[in-house]
Amino acid sequence: MVKSNRSRGQKRICKNGHIYYKSSDCPVCPLCEKLKPVGAEFLMLLAAPARRALENAGIKTLKQLSKKTEEEILSLHGIGPSSIPILKKSLKEAGLQLAGRMHNRM
């Protein structure tokens, strides 16, 4: 039995030319997600809004993440408090941690 296009969702084409079907409003191309660079696996542990927030801030690796403070990460639109333990665990497993608190400098 062949699924109809309607049951597979709406046909979409991503900016890279991949054709895929989605039944939700989520704009993420599943083919592009599979092609993400090694080292970005921690992003897959996060909800889509948190993942997009980090990616839009240019944070695509744990090393880049480790240069940010918890306050900087929480200030990103799409990141909530529930994301922090996930990020900290991923950093710890890689032998890294978030940067220390930013201090006012005179």
PDB file of N, CA and C in Angstrom:
ATOM      1  N   MET A   1       0.847  -1.175   0.000  1.00  0.00           N
ATOM      2  CA  MET A   1       0.000   0.000   0.000  1.00  0.00           C
ATOM      3  C   MET A   1       0.895   1.243   0.000  1.00  0.00           C
ATOM      4  N   VAL A   2       0.626   2.173  -0.875  1.00  0.00           N
ATOM      5  CA  VAL A   2       1.401   3.401  -0.995  1.00  0.00           C
ATOM      6  C   VAL A   2       0.676   4.506  -0.247  1.00  0.00           C
ATOM      7  N   LYS A   3       1.435   5.237   0.585  1.00  0.00           N
ATOM      8  CA  LYS A   3       0.831   6.353   1.310  1.00  0.00           C
ATOM      9  C   LYS A   3       0.551   7.493   0.338  1.00  0.00           C
ATOM     10  N   SER A   4      -0.555   8.147   0.572  1.00  0.00           N
ATOM     11  CA  SER A   4      -0.845   9.318  -0.262  1.00  0.00           C
ATOM     12  C   SER A   4      -0.026  10.497   0.241  1.00  0.00           C
ATOM     13  N   ASN A   5       0.169  11.476  -0.616  1.00  0.00           N
ATOM     14  CA  ASN A   5       0.910  12.673  -0.228  1.00  0.00           C
ATOM     15  C   ASN A   5       0.251  13.369   0.957  1.00  0.00           C
ATOM     16  N   ARG A   6      -1.062  13.292   1.017  1.00  0.00           N
ATOM     17  CA  ARG A   6      -1.791  13.944   2.088  1.00  0.00           C
ATOM     18  C   ARG A   6      -1.424  13.338   3.449  1.00  0.00           C
ATOM     19  N   SER A   7      -1.252  12.038   3.538  1.00  0.00           N
ATOM     20  CA  SER A   7      -0.915  11.397   4.809  1.00  0.00           C
ATOM     21  C   SER A   7       0.548  11.622   5.189  1.00  0.00           C
ATOM     22  N   ARG A   8       1.394  11.936   4.200  1.00  0.00           N
ATOM     23  CA  ARG A   8       2.802  12.190   4.482  1.00  0.00           C
ATOM     24  C   ARG A   8       3.039  13.635   4.908  1.00  0.00           C
ATOM     25  N   GLY A   9       2.099  14.494   4.676  1.00  0.00           N
ATOM     26  CA  GLY A   9       2.249  15.894   5.022  1.00  0.00           C
ATOM     27  C   GLY A   9       2.447  16.747   3.785  1.00  0.00           C
ATOM     28  N   GLN A  10       2.775  17.987   4.038  1.00  0.00           N
ATOM     29  CA  GLN A  10       2.960  18.955   2.956  1.00  0.00           C
ATOM     30  C   GLN A  10       4.348  18.809   2.341  1.00  0.00           C
ATOM     31  N   LYS A  11       4.394  18.821   1.025  1.00  0.00           N
ATOM     32  CA  LYS A  11       5.675  18.725   0.318  1.00  0.00           C
ATOM     33  C   LYS A  11       6.421  20.047   0.486  1.00  0.00           C
ATOM     34  N   ARG A  12       7.712  19.950   0.839  1.00  0.00           N
ATOM     35  CA  ARG A  12       8.547  21.137   1.029  1.00  0.00           C
ATOM     36  C   ARG A  12       9.897  20.928   0.352  1.00  0.00           C
ATOM     37  N   ILE A  13      10.544  22.029   0.073  1.00  0.00           N
ATOM     38  CA  ILE A  13      11.898  22.010  -0.475  1.00  0.00           C
ATOM     39  C   ILE A  13      12.730  22.957   0.379  1.00  0.00           C
ATOM     40  N   CYS A  14      13.827  22.456   0.940  1.00  0.00           N
ATOM     41  CA  CYS A  14      14.674  23.279   1.801  1.00  0.00           C
ATOM     42  C   CYS A  14      15.598  24.145   0.957  1.00  0.00           C
ATOM     43  N   LYS A  15      16.340  25.032   1.606  1.00  0.00           N
ATOM     44  CA  LYS A  15      17.246  25.938   0.894  1.00  0.00           C
ATOM     45  C   LYS A  15      18.357  25.187   0.162  1.00  0.00           C
ATOM     46  N   ASN A  16      18.609  23.927   0.561  1.00  0.00           N
ATOM     47  CA  ASN A  16      19.630  23.113  -0.102  1.00  0.00           C
ATOM     48  C   ASN A  16      19.052  22.245  -1.217  1.00  0.00           C
ATOM     49  N   GLY A  17      17.751  22.391  -1.474  1.00  0.00           N
ATOM     50  CA  GLY A  17      17.117  21.665  -2.567  1.00  0.00           C
ATOM     51  C   GLY A  17      16.571  20.293  -2.211  1.00  0.00           C
ATOM     52  N   HIS A  18      16.616  19.915  -0.939  1.00  0.00           N
ATOM     53  CA  HIS A  18      16.066  18.613  -0.530  1.00  0.00           C
ATOM     54  C   HIS A  18      14.542  18.669  -0.546  1.00  0.00           C
ATOM     55  N   ILE A  19      13.930  17.629  -1.054  1.00  0.00           N
ATOM     56  CA  ILE A  19      12.472  17.520  -1.048  1.00  0.00           C
ATOM     57  C   ILE A  19      12.089  16.618   0.117  1.00  0.00           C
ATOM     58  N   TYR A  20      11.176  17.101   0.945  1.00  0.00           N
ATOM     59  CA  TYR A  20      10.722  16.320   2.097  1.00  0.00           C
ATOM     60  C   TYR A  20       9.271  16.677   2.398  1.00  0.00           C
ATOM     61  N   TYR A  21       8.639  15.869   3.249  1.00  0.00           N
ATOM     62  CA  TYR A  21       7.242  16.071   3.606  1.00  0.00           C
ATOM     63  C   TYR A  21       7.146  16.272   5.107  1.00  0.00           C
ATOM     64  N   LYS A  22       6.340  17.249   5.517  1.00  0.00           N
ATOM     65  CA  LYS A  22       6.113  17.520   6.939  1.00  0.00           C
ATOM     66  C   LYS A  22       4.641  17.795   7.168  1.00  0.00           C
ATOM     67  N   SER A  23       4.115  17.252   8.250  1.00  0.00           N
ATOM     68  CA  SER A  23       2.718  17.511   8.578  1.00  0.00           C
ATOM     69  C   SER A  23       2.595  18.629   9.612  1.00  0.00           C
ATOM     70  N   SER A  24       3.726  19.083  10.161  1.00  0.00           N
ATOM     71  CA  SER A  24       3.702  20.173  11.138  1.00  0.00           C
ATOM     72  C   SER A  24       4.256  21.448  10.510  1.00  0.00           C
ATOM     73  N   ASP A  25       4.275  22.526  11.275  1.00  0.00           N
ATOM     74  CA  ASP A  25       4.829  23.797  10.800  1.00  0.00           C
ATOM     75  C   ASP A  25       6.335  23.863  10.967  1.00  0.00           C
ATOM     76  N   CYS A  26       6.943  22.828  11.496  1.00  0.00           N
ATOM     77  CA  CYS A  26       8.387  22.810  11.733  1.00  0.00           C
ATOM     78  C   CYS A  26       9.134  22.975  10.412  1.00  0.00           C
ATOM     79  N   PRO A  27      10.029  23.976  10.322  1.00  0.00           N
ATOM     80  CA  PRO A  27      10.729  24.235   9.068  1.00  0.00           C
ATOM     81  C   PRO A  27      12.011  23.431   8.866  1.00  0.00           C
ATOM     82  N   VAL A  28      12.355  22.555   9.799  1.00  0.00           N
ATOM     83  CA  VAL A  28      13.628  21.843   9.740  1.00  0.00           C
ATOM     84  C   VAL A  28      13.580  20.701   8.727  1.00  0.00           C
ATOM     85  N   CYS A  29      14.549  20.699   7.829  1.00  0.00           N
ATOM     86  CA  CYS A  29      14.666  19.646   6.825  1.00  0.00           C
ATOM     87  C   CYS A  29      15.319  18.422   7.479  1.00  0.00           C
ATOM     88  N   PRO A  30      14.669  17.268   7.469  1.00  0.00           N
ATOM     89  CA  PRO A  30      15.258  16.080   8.090  1.00  0.00           C
ATOM     90  C   PRO A  30      16.536  15.609   7.393  1.00  0.00           C
ATOM     91  N   LEU A  31      16.656  15.860   6.112  1.00  0.00           N
ATOM     92  CA  LEU A  31      17.861  15.454   5.393  1.00  0.00           C
ATOM     93  C   LEU A  31      19.051  16.327   5.802  1.00  0.00           C
ATOM     94  N   CYS A  32      18.822  17.624   5.943  1.00  0.00           N
ATOM     95  CA  CYS A  32      19.895  18.524   6.395  1.00  0.00           C
ATOM     96  C   CYS A  32      20.327  18.176   7.822  1.00  0.00           C
ATOM     97  N   GLU A  33      19.373  17.791   8.657  1.00  0.00           N
ATOM     98  CA  GLU A  33      19.687  17.421  10.038  1.00  0.00           C
ATOM     99  C   GLU A  33      20.646  16.240  10.077  1.00  0.00           C
ATOM    100  N   LYS A  34      20.443  15.278   9.186  1.00  0.00           N
ATOM    101  CA  LYS A  34      21.308  14.097   9.146  1.00  0.00           C
ATOM    102  C   LYS A  34      22.722  14.435   8.667  1.00  0.00           C
ATOM    103  N   LEU A  35      22.854  15.528   7.951  1.00  0.00           N
ATOM    104  CA  LEU A  35      24.152  15.920   7.393  1.00  0.00           C
ATOM    105  C   LEU A  35      24.939  16.873   8.296  1.00  0.00           C
ATOM    106  N   LYS A  36      24.419  17.146   9.484  1.00  0.00           N
ATOM    107  CA  LYS A  36      25.119  18.059  10.397  1.00  0.00           C
ATOM    108  C   LYS A  36      26.490  17.501  10.744  1.00  0.00           C
ATOM    109  N   PRO A  37      27.443  18.394  11.041  1.00  0.00           N
ATOM    110  CA  PRO A  37      28.807  17.953  11.332  1.00  0.00           C
ATOM    111  C   PRO A  37      28.908  17.144  12.628  1.00  0.00           C
ATOM    112  N   VAL A  38      29.908  16.273  12.656  1.00  0.00           N
ATOM    113  CA  VAL A  38      30.184  15.498  13.863  1.00  0.00           C
ATOM    114  C   VAL A  38      30.558  16.479  14.975  1.00  0.00           C
ATOM    115  N   GLY A  39      30.112  16.223  16.172  1.00  0.00           N
ATOM    116  CA  GLY A  39      30.387  17.125  17.278  1.00  0.00           C
ATOM    117  C   GLY A  39      29.178  17.969  17.618  1.00  0.00           C
ATOM    118  N   ALA A  40      28.157  17.905  16.788  1.00  0.00           N
ATOM    119  CA  ALA A  40      26.946  18.671  17.034  1.00  0.00           C
ATOM    120  C   ALA A  40      25.830  17.776  17.592  1.00  0.00           C
ATOM    121  N   GLU A  41      26.189  16.563  17.984  1.00  0.00           N
ATOM    122  CA  GLU A  41      25.186  15.613  18.466  1.00  0.00           C
ATOM    123  C   GLU A  41      24.429  16.136  19.683  1.00  0.00           C
ATOM    124  N   PHE A  42      25.099  16.934  20.510  1.00  0.00           N
ATOM    125  CA  PHE A  42      24.453  17.456  21.711  1.00  0.00           C
ATOM    126  C   PHE A  42      23.227  18.294  21.352  1.00  0.00           C
ATOM    127  N   LEU A  43      23.234  18.899  20.178  1.00  0.00           N
ATOM    128  CA  LEU A  43      22.096  19.716  19.760  1.00  0.00           C
ATOM    129  C   LEU A  43      20.838  18.864  19.592  1.00  0.00           C
ATOM    130  N   MET A  44      21.014  17.619  19.203  1.00  0.00           N
ATOM    131  CA  MET A  44      19.867  16.736  18.982  1.00  0.00           C
ATOM    132  C   MET A  44      19.159  16.356  20.276  1.00  0.00           C
ATOM    133  N   LEU A  45      19.810  16.590  21.413  1.00  0.00           N
ATOM    134  CA  LEU A  45      19.198  16.290  22.708  1.00  0.00           C
ATOM    135  C   LEU A  45      18.225  17.379  23.138  1.00  0.00           C
ATOM    136  N   LEU A  46      18.277  18.513  22.467  1.00  0.00           N
ATOM    137  CA  LEU A  46      17.474  19.678  22.836  1.00  0.00           C
ATOM    138  C   LEU A  46      16.193  19.758  22.027  1.00  0.00           C
ATOM    139  N   ALA A  47      15.230  20.470  22.580  1.00  0.00           N
ATOM    140  CA  ALA A  47      14.005  20.762  21.833  1.00  0.00           C
ATOM    141  C   ALA A  47      14.378  21.661  20.648  1.00  0.00           C
ATOM    142  N   ALA A  48      13.591  21.605  19.604  1.00  0.00           N
ATOM    143  CA  ALA A  48      13.898  22.360  18.382  1.00  0.00           C
ATOM    144  C   ALA A  48      14.112  23.860  18.623  1.00  0.00           C
ATOM    145  N   PRO A  49      13.298  24.542  19.446  1.00  0.00           N
ATOM    146  CA  PRO A  49      13.540  25.974  19.653  1.00  0.00           C
ATOM    147  C   PRO A  49      14.905  26.252  20.292  1.00  0.00           C
ATOM    148  N   ALA A  50      15.307  25.422  21.228  1.00  0.00           N
ATOM    149  CA  ALA A  50      16.611  25.600  21.884  1.00  0.00           C
ATOM    150  C   ALA A  50      17.743  25.314  20.903  1.00  0.00           C
ATOM    151  N   ARG A  51      17.575  24.293  20.105  1.00  0.00           N
ATOM    152  CA  ARG A  51      18.592  23.950  19.102  1.00  0.00           C
ATOM    153  C   ARG A  51      18.761  25.093  18.101  1.00  0.00           C
ATOM    154  N   ARG A  52      17.650  25.629  17.629  1.00  0.00           N
ATOM    155  CA  ARG A  52      17.721  26.738  16.673  1.00  0.00           C
ATOM    156  C   ARG A  52      18.324  27.978  17.318  1.00  0.00           C
ATOM    157  N   ALA A  53      18.024  28.224  18.591  1.00  0.00           N
ATOM    158  CA  ALA A  53      18.581  29.390  19.282  1.00  0.00           C
ATOM    159  C   ALA A  53      20.100  29.313  19.318  1.00  0.00           C
ATOM    160  N   LEU A  54      20.635  28.152  19.643  1.00  0.00           N
ATOM    161  CA  LEU A  54      22.093  27.989  19.684  1.00  0.00           C
ATOM    162  C   LEU A  54      22.693  28.122  18.288  1.00  0.00           C
ATOM    163  N   GLU A  55      22.082  27.476  17.325  1.00  0.00           N
ATOM    164  CA  GLU A  55      22.602  27.538  15.953  1.00  0.00           C
ATOM    165  C   GLU A  55      22.580  28.971  15.425  1.00  0.00           C
ATOM    166  N   ASN A  56      21.504  29.702  15.694  1.00  0.00           N
ATOM    167  CA  ASN A  56      21.402  31.091  15.243  1.00  0.00           C
ATOM    168  C   ASN A  56      22.416  31.992  15.932  1.00  0.00           C
ATOM    169  N   ALA A  57      22.867  31.589  17.119  1.00  0.00           N
ATOM    170  CA  ALA A  57      23.891  32.345  17.844  1.00  0.00           C
ATOM    171  C   ALA A  57      25.294  31.898  17.436  1.00  0.00           C
ATOM    172  N   GLY A  58      25.378  30.985  16.477  1.00  0.00           N
ATOM    173  CA  GLY A  58      26.671  30.520  15.992  1.00  0.00           C
ATOM    174  C   GLY A  58      27.306  29.454  16.866  1.00  0.00           C
ATOM    175  N   ILE A  59      26.516  28.849  17.744  1.00  0.00           N
ATOM    176  CA  ILE A  59      27.023  27.816  18.654  1.00  0.00           C
ATOM    177  C   ILE A  59      26.631  26.458  18.082  1.00  0.00           C
ATOM    178  N   LYS A  60      27.608  25.794  17.476  1.00  0.00           N
ATOM    179  CA  LYS A  60      27.336  24.517  16.825  1.00  0.00           C
ATOM    180  C   LYS A  60      28.198  23.390  17.365  1.00  0.00           C
ATOM    181  N   THR A  61      29.125  23.713  18.266  1.00  0.00           N
ATOM    182  CA  THR A  61      29.981  22.683  18.864  1.00  0.00           C
ATOM    183  C   THR A  61      30.048  22.898  20.370  1.00  0.00           C
ATOM    184  N   LEU A  62      30.453  21.857  21.077  1.00  0.00           N
ATOM    185  CA  LEU A  62      30.607  21.978  22.531  1.00  0.00           C
ATOM    186  C   LEU A  62      31.713  22.960  22.890  1.00  0.00           C
ATOM    187  N   LYS A  63      32.743  23.027  22.081  1.00  0.00           N
ATOM    188  CA  LYS A  63      33.824  23.971  22.345  1.00  0.00           C
ATOM    189  C   LYS A  63      33.308  25.412  22.267  1.00  0.00           C
ATOM    190  N   GLN A  64      32.493  25.702  21.285  1.00  0.00           N
ATOM    191  CA  GLN A  64      31.894  27.035  21.180  1.00  0.00           C
ATOM    192  C   GLN A  64      30.971  27.306  22.366  1.00  0.00           C
ATOM    193  N   LEU A  65      30.215  26.300  22.766  1.00  0.00           N
ATOM    194  CA  LEU A  65      29.315  26.435  23.906  1.00  0.00           C
ATOM    195  C   LEU A  65      30.084  26.717  25.186  1.00  0.00           C
ATOM    196  N   SER A  66      31.238  26.084  25.349  1.00  0.00           N
ATOM    197  CA  SER A  66      32.014  26.231  26.579  1.00  0.00           C
ATOM    198  C   SER A  66      32.560  27.648  26.768  1.00  0.00           C
ATOM    199  N   LYS A  67      32.527  28.455  25.751  1.00  0.00           N
ATOM    200  CA  LYS A  67      33.010  29.835  25.846  1.00  0.00           C
ATOM    201  C   LYS A  67      31.925  30.796  26.326  1.00  0.00           C
ATOM    202  N   LYS A  68      30.725  30.277  26.528  1.00  0.00           N
ATOM    203  CA  LYS A  68      29.584  31.090  26.950  1.00  0.00           C
ATOM    204  C   LYS A  68      29.238  30.829  28.407  1.00  0.00           C
ATOM    205  N   THR A  69      28.699  31.844  29.064  1.00  0.00           N
ATOM    206  CA  THR A  69      28.237  31.672  30.445  1.00  0.00           C
ATOM    207  C   THR A  69      26.800  31.154  30.427  1.00  0.00           C
ATOM    208  N   GLU A  70      26.365  30.640  31.549  1.00  0.00           N
ATOM    209  CA  GLU A  70      24.986  30.177  31.666  1.00  0.00           C
ATOM    210  C   GLU A  70      24.018  31.325  31.395  1.00  0.00           C
ATOM    211  N   GLU A  71      24.362  32.506  31.893  1.00  0.00           N
ATOM    212  CA  GLU A  71      23.510  33.681  31.690  1.00  0.00           C
ATOM    213  C   GLU A  71      23.392  34.035  30.209  1.00  0.00           C
ATOM    214  N   GLU A  72      24.503  33.929  29.481  1.00  0.00           N
ATOM    215  CA  GLU A  72      24.480  34.220  28.046  1.00  0.00           C
ATOM    216  C   GLU A  72      23.603  33.221  27.302  1.00  0.00           C
ATOM    217  N   ILE A  73      23.698  31.961  27.680  1.00  0.00           N
ATOM    218  CA  ILE A  73      22.897  30.917  27.031  1.00  0.00           C
ATOM    219  C   ILE A  73      21.416  31.134  27.329  1.00  0.00           C
ATOM    220  N   LEU A  74      21.087  31.412  28.595  1.00  0.00           N
ATOM    221  CA  LEU A  74      19.687  31.613  28.975  1.00  0.00           C
ATOM    222  C   LEU A  74      19.082  32.866  28.339  1.00  0.00           C
ATOM    223  N   SER A  75      19.905  33.802  27.926  1.00  0.00           N
ATOM    224  CA  SER A  75      19.388  35.030  27.323  1.00  0.00           C
ATOM    225  C   SER A  75      18.948  34.820  25.873  1.00  0.00           C
ATOM    226  N   LEU A  76      19.291  33.680  25.291  1.00  0.00           N
ATOM    227  CA  LEU A  76      18.905  33.404  23.907  1.00  0.00           C
ATOM    228  C   LEU A  76      17.427  33.031  23.832  1.00  0.00           C
ATOM    229  N   HIS A  77      16.725  33.634  22.905  1.00  0.00           N
ATOM    230  CA  HIS A  77      15.306  33.322  22.724  1.00  0.00           C
ATOM    231  C   HIS A  77      15.166  31.873  22.245  1.00  0.00           C
ATOM    232  N   GLY A  78      14.433  31.083  23.015  1.00  0.00           N
ATOM    233  CA  GLY A  78      14.248  29.672  22.674  1.00  0.00           C
ATOM    234  C   GLY A  78      14.907  28.743  23.677  1.00  0.00           C
ATOM    235  N   ILE A  79      15.800  29.296  24.498  1.00  0.00           N
ATOM    236  CA  ILE A  79      16.472  28.496  25.536  1.00  0.00           C
ATOM    237  C   ILE A  79      15.743  28.696  26.851  1.00  0.00           C
ATOM    238  N   GLY A  80      15.378  27.599  27.482  1.00  0.00           N
ATOM    239  CA  GLY A  80      14.744  27.659  28.794  1.00  0.00           C
ATOM    240  C   GLY A  80      15.611  26.970  29.830  1.00  0.00           C
ATOM    241  N   PRO A  81      15.246  27.109  31.087  1.00  0.00           N
ATOM    242  CA  PRO A  81      16.029  26.502  32.169  1.00  0.00           C
ATOM    243  C   PRO A  81      16.201  24.994  32.035  1.00  0.00           C
ATOM    244  N   SER A  82      15.273  24.319  31.392  1.00  0.00           N
ATOM    245  CA  SER A  82      15.383  22.855  31.265  1.00  0.00           C
ATOM    246  C   SER A  82      16.492  22.450  30.296  1.00  0.00           C
ATOM    247  N   SER A  83      16.952  23.374  29.468  1.00  0.00           N
ATOM    248  CA  SER A  83      18.034  23.071  28.524  1.00  0.00           C
ATOM    249  C   SER A  83      19.400  23.036  29.201  1.00  0.00           C
ATOM    250  N   ILE A  84      19.560  23.796  30.279  1.00  0.00           N
ATOM    251  CA  ILE A  84      20.867  23.941  30.910  1.00  0.00           C
ATOM    252  C   ILE A  84      21.424  22.610  31.422  1.00  0.00           C
ATOM    253  N   PRO A  85      20.654  21.791  32.160  1.00  0.00           N
ATOM    254  CA  PRO A  85      21.215  20.497  32.605  1.00  0.00           C
ATOM    255  C   PRO A  85      21.655  19.599  31.451  1.00  0.00           C
ATOM    256  N   ILE A  86      20.936  19.629  30.352  1.00  0.00           N
ATOM    257  CA  ILE A  86      21.297  18.829  29.181  1.00  0.00           C
ATOM    258  C   ILE A  86      22.630  19.312  28.619  1.00  0.00           C
ATOM    259  N   LEU A  87      22.768  20.627  28.512  1.00  0.00           N
ATOM    260  CA  LEU A  87      24.006  21.200  27.977  1.00  0.00           C
ATOM    261  C   LEU A  87      25.183  20.925  28.906  1.00  0.00           C
ATOM    262  N   LYS A  88      24.962  21.094  30.209  1.00  0.00           N
ATOM    263  CA  LYS A  88      26.045  20.860  31.174  1.00  0.00           C
ATOM    264  C   LYS A  88      26.501  19.401  31.155  1.00  0.00           C
ATOM    265  N   LYS A  89      25.555  18.480  31.016  1.00  0.00           N
ATOM    266  CA  LYS A  89      25.912  17.057  30.977  1.00  0.00           C
ATOM    267  C   LYS A  89      26.745  16.755  29.734  1.00  0.00           C
ATOM    268  N   SER A  90      26.347  17.305  28.607  1.00  0.00           N
ATOM    269  CA  SER A  90      27.097  17.090  27.359  1.00  0.00           C
ATOM    270  C   SER A  90      28.499  17.676  27.472  1.00  0.00           C
ATOM    271  N   LEU A  91      28.606  18.853  28.055  1.00  0.00           N
ATOM    272  CA  LEU A  91      29.916  19.474  28.252  1.00  0.00           C
ATOM    273  C   LEU A  91      30.792  18.618  29.164  1.00  0.00           C
ATOM    274  N   LYS A  92      30.212  18.170  30.269  1.00  0.00           N
ATOM    275  CA  LYS A  92      30.965  17.365  31.236  1.00  0.00           C
ATOM    276  C   LYS A  92      31.492  16.086  30.592  1.00  0.00           C
ATOM    277  N   GLU A  93      30.673  15.442  29.784  1.00  0.00           N
ATOM    278  CA  GLU A  93      31.088  14.208  29.105  1.00  0.00           C
ATOM    279  C   GLU A  93      32.258  14.456  28.148  1.00  0.00           C
ATOM    280  N   ALA A  94      32.372  15.705  27.672  1.00  0.00           N
ATOM    281  CA  ALA A  94      33.453  16.061  26.758  1.00  0.00           C
ATOM    282  C   ALA A  94      34.636  16.699  27.499  1.00  0.00           C
ATOM    283  N   GLY A  95      34.546  16.739  28.845  1.00  0.00           N
ATOM    284  CA  GLY A  95      35.610  17.333  29.634  1.00  0.00           C
ATOM    285  C   GLY A  95      35.620  18.857  29.594  1.00  0.00           C
ATOM    286  N   LEU A  96      34.463  19.450  29.332  1.00  0.00           N
ATOM    287  CA  LEU A  96      34.337  20.902  29.245  1.00  0.00           C
ATOM    288  C   LEU A  96      33.301  21.405  30.239  1.00  0.00           C
ATOM    289  N   GLN A  97      33.203  22.707  30.357  1.00  0.00           N
ATOM    290  CA  GLN A  97      32.164  23.319  31.191  1.00  0.00           C
ATOM    291  C   GLN A  97      31.855  24.702  30.640  1.00  0.00           C
ATOM    292  N   LEU A  98      30.738  25.262  31.093  1.00  0.00           N
ATOM    293  CA  LEU A  98      30.394  26.624  30.694  1.00  0.00           C
ATOM    294  C   LEU A  98      31.400  27.593  31.286  1.00  0.00           C
ATOM    295  N   ALA A  99      31.568  28.724  30.632  1.00  0.00           N
ATOM    296  CA  ALA A  99      32.474  29.759  31.138  1.00  0.00           C
ATOM    297  C   ALA A  99      31.928  30.292  32.463  1.00  0.00           C
ATOM    298  N   GLY A 100      32.812  30.849  33.280  1.00  0.00           N
ATOM    299  CA  GLY A 100      32.394  31.420  34.556  1.00  0.00           C
ATOM    300  C   GLY A 100      31.538  32.648  34.350  1.00  0.00           C
ATOM    301  N   ARG A 101      30.967  33.111  35.434  1.00  0.00           N
ATOM    302  CA  ARG A 101      30.128  34.308  35.374  1.00  0.00           C
ATOM    303  C   ARG A 101      30.931  35.492  34.875  1.00  0.00           C
ATOM    304  N   MET A 102      30.261  36.334  34.143  1.00  0.00           N
ATOM    305  CA  MET A 102      30.915  37.551  33.679  1.00  0.00           C
ATOM    306  C   MET A 102      30.914  38.553  34.825  1.00  0.00           C
ATOM    307  N   HIS A 103      32.025  39.174  35.071  1.00  0.00           N
ATOM    308  CA  HIS A 103      32.158  40.169  36.133  1.00  0.00           C
ATOM    309  C   HIS A 103      32.214  41.540  35.500  1.00  0.00           C
ATOM    310  N   ASN A 104      31.672  42.517  36.220  1.00  0.00           N
ATOM    311  CA  ASN A 104      31.761  43.891  35.731  1.00  0.00           C
ATOM    312  C   ASN A 104      33.208  44.326  35.756  1.00  0.00           C
ATOM    313  N   ARG A 105      33.653  44.867  34.658  1.00  0.00           N
ATOM    314  CA  ARG A 105      35.031  45.336  34.571  1.00  0.00           C
ATOM    315  C   ARG A 105      35.034  46.847  34.498  1.00  0.00           C
ATOM    316  N   MET A 106      35.945  47.461  35.200  1.00  0.00           N
ATOM    317  CA  MET A 106      36.024  48.921  35.177  1.00  0.00           C
ATOM    318  C   MET A 106      37.006  49.387  34.149  1.00  0.00           C
TER     319      MET A 106
END
